[in-house]
Amino acid sequence: MKIIVTGGAGFIGSHVVDAYLERGHEVHIFDDLSTGQTANLNPKATLHEVDIADRSAAARLEQIKPEILCHHAAQMDVRHSVADPTFDARVNILGFINLLEAGKNSGVKKVIFASSGGAVYGEQKSFPAGEDHVTRPASPYGVSKRAGELYLSYYHQAFGLPYIALRYANVYGPRQSTQGEAGVVAIFLSLLLRGKTPMINGDGKQTRDYVYVADVVAANVAVLDAQFLGEVNIGTGVETNVLEIFRHAREALGSTVEAQHGPAKAGEQRRSCINAERAAKVLGWHPQVALAEGLRRTAAWYRNSISP
């Protein structure tokens, strides 16, 4: 199949590109390289350096005529979305609509949308949250992801465009950036490797559902042949707090560095965890990589990539 992966030079998107190429698909990458890294690019894919909110991106999509649009390009910094919600909406909402219009016009057969389990649910009422949990996004980023899902529902109802929105838990693994709104795993590993002291916000007992990037990639592969339409959680259903993540990171690197505690981050969710039973049912998907093993693999990658 001919597939466009937006954000294909980024953390998750680049791994998805690799997997699609390994299965013999023709892959085109849409990425403006504002946050994506050229080191992540697979030379077997065709790079189109475009801004997804620009008309040129839509024109290029219509020219390529892909069967699948796998959308990972995004403004993904929650704090930046709060500081500049207009920019967040331009990329995450208007940029996505730009591509959906082009996809509708060029005969795209399915859209795979990278959504966010933690961000669309907001402060949860039940744990782990299923897809029927109320959505109360607590940031413009979360609002934009939920808006993307709603636009997909509209395009399916109005034009018959099939889609699956994958609501990711907290994804970690090799290639994750240590800059900006980076994941805590990437931050801890990079600081420990440099012998610097990590800072834990508050008491460190805030929890997240951590899912390894290879498992997320497996979901993106399974979606290609799935008939299901709608939202699907991609997570482990297991809550892990920041203190535990730091302990695992230290053990994976054999580090003796201690962390310091700083003030709690205003507005930070206390708990987040999602139920992936629907993914098992409609995609045959189950997380395969346990947290300790995933952190060992991630630590090995950072050890080879970061100079002390």
Protein backbone atom coordinates (compact mmCIF):
# COMPACT_ATOMS: atom_id res chain seq x y z
CA MET A 1 0.00 0.00 0.00
CA LYS A 2 0.93 3.63 -0.43
CA ILE A 3 1.01 5.31 2.98
CA ILE A 4 1.68 8.87 4.14
CA VAL A 5 3.02 9.15 7.69
CA THR A 6 2.89 12.72 8.95
CA GLY A 7 5.47 13.44 11.63
CA GLY A 8 7.55 10.59 10.23
CA ALA A 9 10.80 12.13 11.46
CA GLY A 10 9.52 12.25 15.03
CA PHE A 11 9.72 9.81 17.91
CA ILE A 12 6.71 7.56 17.32
CA GLY A 13 6.20 8.37 13.64
CA SER A 14 9.70 7.30 12.63
CA HIS A 15 9.25 3.89 14.25
CA VAL A 16 5.92 3.49 12.44
CA VAL A 17 7.63 4.37 9.14
CA ASP A 18 10.24 1.66 9.75
CA ALA A 19 7.58 -0.94 10.44
CA TYR A 20 5.55 -0.08 7.33
CA LEU A 21 8.65 -0.22 5.14
CA GLU A 22 9.64 -3.58 6.61
CA ARG A 23 6.28 -4.91 5.48
CA GLY A 24 6.84 -3.75 1.92
CA HIS A 25 4.64 -0.66 1.85
CA GLU A 26 5.51 2.52 -0.07
CA VAL A 27 5.93 5.23 2.56
CA HIS A 28 5.93 9.00 2.18
CA ILE A 29 6.84 11.21 5.14
CA PHE A 30 5.29 14.65 5.69
CA ASP A 31 7.41 16.55 8.23
CA ASP A 32 8.55 20.17 8.51
CA LEU A 33 11.49 19.04 10.70
CA SER A 34 10.63 21.66 13.33
CA THR A 35 10.86 18.99 16.01
CA GLY A 36 11.53 15.84 13.97
CA GLN A 37 15.12 14.70 13.54
CA THR A 38 16.83 13.87 10.26
CA ALA A 39 18.65 11.08 12.13
CA ASN A 40 15.27 9.35 12.54
CA LEU A 41 14.51 9.34 8.81
CA ASN A 42 14.47 6.01 7.02
CA PRO A 43 16.23 6.45 3.65
CA LYS A 44 13.78 4.02 2.03
CA ALA A 45 10.92 6.48 2.63
CA THR A 46 10.32 9.63 0.59
CA LEU A 47 10.54 12.83 2.64
CA HIS A 48 8.29 15.79 1.82
CA GLU A 49 9.38 18.74 3.94
CA VAL A 50 6.02 20.47 4.28
CA ASP A 51 3.95 22.29 6.89
CA ILE A 52 0.73 20.30 7.30
CA ALA A 53 -1.31 23.50 7.71
CA ASP A 54 -0.10 24.87 4.38
CA ARG A 55 -1.96 24.39 1.13
CA SER A 56 1.18 22.87 -0.40
CA ALA A 57 0.83 19.88 1.95
CA ALA A 58 -2.73 19.28 0.78
CA ALA A 59 -1.66 19.59 -2.85
CA ARG A 60 1.17 17.12 -2.31
CA LEU A 61 -1.20 14.62 -0.66
CA GLU A 62 -3.62 14.91 -3.56
CA GLN A 63 -0.74 14.31 -5.95
CA ILE A 64 0.53 11.21 -4.11
CA LYS A 65 -2.98 9.73 -3.66
CA PRO A 66 -2.18 7.49 -0.67
CA GLU A 67 -4.44 4.68 0.45
CA ILE A 68 -3.61 5.32 4.10
CA LEU A 69 -3.01 8.58 5.99
CA CYS A 70 -1.27 7.88 9.30
CA HIS A 71 -1.31 11.19 11.17
CA HIS A 72 1.32 11.70 13.88
CA ALA A 73 2.41 15.28 13.16
CA ALA A 74 1.37 17.54 16.03
CA GLN A 75 2.15 20.35 18.39
CA MET A 76 2.61 18.03 21.36
CA ASP A 77 3.83 20.29 24.16
CA VAL A 78 1.01 20.65 26.69
CA ARG A 79 2.59 23.68 28.35
CA HIS A 80 3.09 25.39 24.99
CA SER A 81 -0.55 24.73 24.12
CA VAL A 82 -1.55 26.60 27.28
CA ALA A 83 0.83 29.48 26.51
CA ASP A 84 -0.19 29.71 22.84
CA PRO A 85 -3.49 27.94 22.15
CA THR A 86 -3.80 29.64 18.77
CA PHE A 87 -0.61 28.00 17.51
CA ASP A 88 -1.70 24.67 18.95
CA ALA A 89 -5.02 24.92 17.10
CA ARG A 90 -3.33 25.96 13.85
CA VAL A 91 -1.21 22.82 13.79
CA ASN A 92 -3.41 20.25 15.51
CA ILE A 93 -6.83 21.29 14.26
CA LEU A 94 -6.46 23.39 11.10
CA GLY A 95 -3.49 21.35 9.90
CA PHE A 96 -5.45 18.14 10.33
CA ILE A 97 -8.52 19.53 8.55
CA ASN A 98 -6.25 20.58 5.70
CA LEU A 99 -5.11 16.97 5.29
CA LEU A 100 -8.59 15.51 5.75
CA GLU A 101 -9.94 17.68 2.95
CA ALA A 102 -7.12 16.54 0.69
CA GLY A 103 -7.67 12.93 1.74
CA LYS A 104 -11.39 13.17 0.96
CA ASN A 105 -10.61 14.64 -2.46
CA SER A 106 -7.92 12.10 -3.37
CA GLY A 107 -9.61 8.87 -2.29
CA VAL A 108 -7.83 8.00 0.97
CA LYS A 109 -9.23 4.68 2.18
CA LYS A 110 -8.41 5.04 5.89
CA VAL A 111 -7.09 7.59 8.36
CA ILE A 112 -5.07 6.48 11.38
CA PHE A 113 -5.01 9.26 13.95
CA ALA A 114 -2.58 9.49 16.86
CA SER A 115 -4.73 10.74 19.72
CA SER A 116 -4.02 10.90 23.45
CA GLY A 117 -5.64 8.78 26.14
CA GLY A 118 -4.42 10.92 29.00
CA ALA A 119 -5.16 14.28 27.39
CA VAL A 120 -8.69 13.65 26.07
CA TYR A 121 -9.99 12.10 29.31
CA GLY A 122 -8.55 14.76 31.62
CA GLU A 123 -9.00 14.09 35.33
CA GLN A 124 -10.41 10.57 35.37
CA LYS A 125 -13.40 9.39 37.37
CA SER A 126 -12.57 5.69 36.94
CA PHE A 127 -9.35 3.72 36.55
CA PRO A 128 -8.38 2.47 34.08
CA ALA A 129 -10.49 4.61 31.73
CA GLY A 130 -12.32 2.89 28.89
CA GLU A 131 -13.19 4.59 25.63
CA ASP A 132 -16.65 5.41 26.97
CA HIS A 133 -15.17 7.48 29.81
CA VAL A 134 -16.28 11.12 29.70
CA THR A 135 -13.81 13.34 27.81
CA ARG A 136 -12.90 16.51 29.70
CA PRO A 137 -9.60 17.76 28.26
CA ALA A 138 -7.71 19.98 30.70
CA SER A 139 -5.44 21.66 28.13
CA PRO A 140 -5.73 23.11 24.61
CA TYR A 141 -3.59 20.15 23.46
CA GLY A 142 -6.19 17.73 24.80
CA VAL A 143 -8.99 19.79 23.26
CA SER A 144 -7.24 19.66 19.87
CA LYS A 145 -6.86 15.87 20.03
CA ARG A 146 -10.52 15.41 20.90
CA ALA A 147 -11.42 17.84 18.12
CA GLY A 148 -9.44 15.68 15.71
CA GLU A 149 -11.50 12.65 16.71
CA LEU A 150 -14.74 14.58 16.23
CA TYR A 151 -13.68 15.80 12.79
CA LEU A 152 -12.91 12.21 11.84
CA SER A 153 -16.40 11.20 12.92
CA TYR A 154 -17.83 14.00 10.77
CA TYR A 155 -15.77 13.04 7.71
CA HIS A 156 -16.91 9.44 8.09
CA GLN A 157 -20.58 10.39 8.42
CA ALA A 158 -20.50 12.95 5.61
CA PHE A 159 -18.12 11.32 3.14
CA GLY A 160 -17.68 7.70 4.25
CA LEU A 161 -14.02 8.15 5.18
CA PRO A 162 -12.98 5.23 7.46
CA TYR A 163 -10.79 5.97 10.46
CA ILE A 164 -9.34 4.72 13.72
CA ALA A 165 -8.18 7.09 16.45
CA LEU A 166 -5.53 5.48 18.63
CA ARG A 167 -5.63 7.00 22.09
CA TYR A 168 -2.06 6.50 23.29
CA ALA A 169 -1.06 6.27 26.92
CA ASN A 170 2.38 7.72 27.85
CA VAL A 171 4.65 6.39 25.13
CA TYR A 172 8.37 5.95 25.86
CA GLY A 173 11.33 4.36 24.11
CA PRO A 174 14.32 5.00 21.82
CA ARG A 175 14.36 8.29 19.85
CA GLN A 176 12.17 10.16 22.30
CA SER A 177 13.29 13.77 22.53
CA THR A 178 14.79 15.08 25.75
CA GLN A 179 13.78 18.64 24.86
CA GLY A 180 10.57 20.62 25.35
CA GLU A 181 7.62 18.62 26.71
CA ALA A 182 9.71 15.46 26.80
CA GLY A 183 8.60 12.30 28.56
CA VAL A 184 9.87 11.75 32.08
CA VAL A 185 11.67 8.58 30.97
CA ALA A 186 13.74 10.46 28.38
CA ILE A 187 14.45 13.28 30.83
CA PHE A 188 15.60 10.99 33.64
CA LEU A 189 17.81 8.82 31.43
CA SER A 190 19.51 11.76 29.73
CA LEU A 191 20.23 13.53 33.02
CA LEU A 192 21.50 10.39 34.74
CA LEU A 193 23.81 9.63 31.83
CA ARG A 194 25.30 13.10 32.19
CA GLY A 195 25.67 12.73 35.94
CA LYS A 196 23.14 15.50 36.58
CA THR A 197 20.45 15.55 39.25
CA PRO A 198 16.89 14.95 38.02
CA MET A 199 14.09 17.02 39.49
CA ILE A 200 10.85 15.32 40.52
CA ASN A 201 7.81 17.58 40.62
CA GLY A 202 5.99 17.36 43.94
CA ASP A 203 5.98 14.07 45.84
CA GLY A 204 6.48 11.96 42.70
CA LYS A 205 3.42 9.85 43.38
CA GLN A 206 1.53 11.09 40.32
CA THR A 207 0.85 8.12 38.05
CA ARG A 208 0.78 7.45 34.34
CA ASP A 209 0.24 4.45 32.08
CA TYR A 210 3.58 3.83 30.31
CA VAL A 211 3.52 1.94 27.00
CA TYR A 212 6.64 1.00 25.04
CA VAL A 213 6.98 2.44 21.54
CA ALA A 214 7.33 -0.97 19.85
CA ASP A 215 3.91 -1.92 21.22
CA VAL A 216 2.45 1.32 19.87
CA VAL A 217 3.97 0.53 16.47
CA ALA A 218 2.37 -2.92 16.55
CA ALA A 219 -1.01 -1.23 16.99
CA ASN A 220 -0.37 0.99 13.97
CA VAL A 221 0.41 -2.11 11.92
CA ALA A 222 -2.66 -4.00 13.15
CA VAL A 223 -4.90 -1.07 12.22
CA LEU A 224 -4.04 -1.45 8.52
CA ASP A 225 -6.23 -4.56 8.24
CA ALA A 226 -8.81 -3.73 10.92
CA GLN A 227 -12.42 -3.00 10.03
CA PHE A 228 -13.25 -1.17 13.26
CA LEU A 229 -14.24 2.51 13.17
CA GLY A 230 -13.79 4.77 16.17
CA GLU A 231 -11.50 5.31 19.15
CA VAL A 232 -9.18 2.68 20.61
CA ASN A 233 -7.06 2.97 23.74
CA ILE A 234 -3.44 1.85 23.42
CA GLY A 235 -2.04 1.39 26.91
CA THR A 236 -1.22 -1.18 29.56
CA GLY A 237 -3.88 -0.55 32.18
CA VAL A 238 -1.12 -0.28 34.79
CA GLU A 239 -0.41 2.84 36.84
CA THR A 240 3.22 3.64 37.61
CA ASN A 241 4.30 6.65 39.62
CA VAL A 242 7.27 8.91 38.93
CA LEU A 243 9.27 7.57 41.87
CA GLU A 244 9.07 4.07 40.40
CA ILE A 245 10.11 5.34 36.95
CA PHE A 246 13.16 7.00 38.50
CA ARG A 247 14.08 3.82 40.36
CA HIS A 248 13.82 1.75 37.18
CA ALA A 249 15.88 4.32 35.25
CA ARG A 250 18.64 4.28 37.86
CA GLU A 251 18.70 0.48 37.89
CA ALA A 252 18.81 0.29 34.10
CA LEU A 253 21.88 2.56 34.02
CA GLY A 254 23.50 1.36 37.23
CA SER A 255 23.45 4.95 38.48
CA THR A 256 23.72 6.08 42.10
CA VAL A 257 22.55 9.66 41.45
CA GLU A 258 19.70 10.76 43.70
CA ALA A 259 16.81 12.92 42.53
CA GLN A 260 15.65 16.15 44.13
CA HIS A 261 12.05 17.16 44.73
CA GLY A 262 10.74 20.49 43.50
CA PRO A 263 7.31 22.11 43.71
CA ALA A 264 4.38 20.33 42.14
CA LYS A 265 3.50 21.48 38.61
CA ALA A 266 0.31 23.54 38.62
CA GLY A 267 -2.57 21.79 36.92
CA GLU A 268 -0.78 18.45 36.51
CA GLN A 269 -3.05 15.40 36.43
CA ARG A 270 -2.63 13.26 39.52
CA ARG A 271 -3.52 9.92 37.96
CA SER A 272 -3.88 8.64 34.39
CA CYS A 273 -4.41 5.07 33.22
CA ILE A 274 -6.37 3.59 30.30
CA ASN A 275 -8.13 0.32 29.59
CA ALA A 276 -7.06 -1.44 26.36
CA GLU A 277 -9.64 -4.24 26.26
CA ARG A 278 -11.15 -2.82 23.07
CA ALA A 279 -7.73 -2.95 21.37
CA ALA A 280 -7.49 -6.64 22.22
CA LYS A 281 -10.95 -7.27 20.81
CA VAL A 282 -10.86 -5.25 17.57
CA LEU A 283 -7.12 -5.26 16.76
CA GLY A 284 -5.91 -8.42 18.48
CA TRP A 285 -3.46 -6.11 20.23
CA HIS A 286 -1.88 -6.65 23.63
CA PRO A 287 1.14 -4.83 25.12
CA GLN A 288 4.11 -7.18 24.96
CA VAL A 289 6.96 -5.26 26.61
CA ALA A 290 6.94 -4.96 30.41
CA LEU A 291 8.04 -1.64 31.88
CA ALA A 292 11.34 -2.88 33.33
CA GLU A 293 12.33 -4.48 30.01
CA GLY A 294 11.24 -1.45 28.01
CA LEU A 295 13.29 0.82 30.23
CA ARG A 296 16.32 -1.44 29.84
CA ARG A 297 16.02 -1.23 26.05
CA THR A 298 15.50 2.53 26.18
CA ALA A 299 18.44 3.04 28.54
CA ALA A 300 20.70 1.05 26.21
CA TRP A 301 19.70 3.28 23.29
CA TYR A 302 20.35 6.49 25.23
CA ARG A 303 23.66 5.14 26.49
CA ASN A 304 24.79 4.71 22.88
CA SER A 305 23.37 8.08 21.80
CA ILE A 306 24.40 10.45 24.58
CA SER A 307 27.97 11.30 25.42
CA PRO A 308 28.63 11.85 29.14
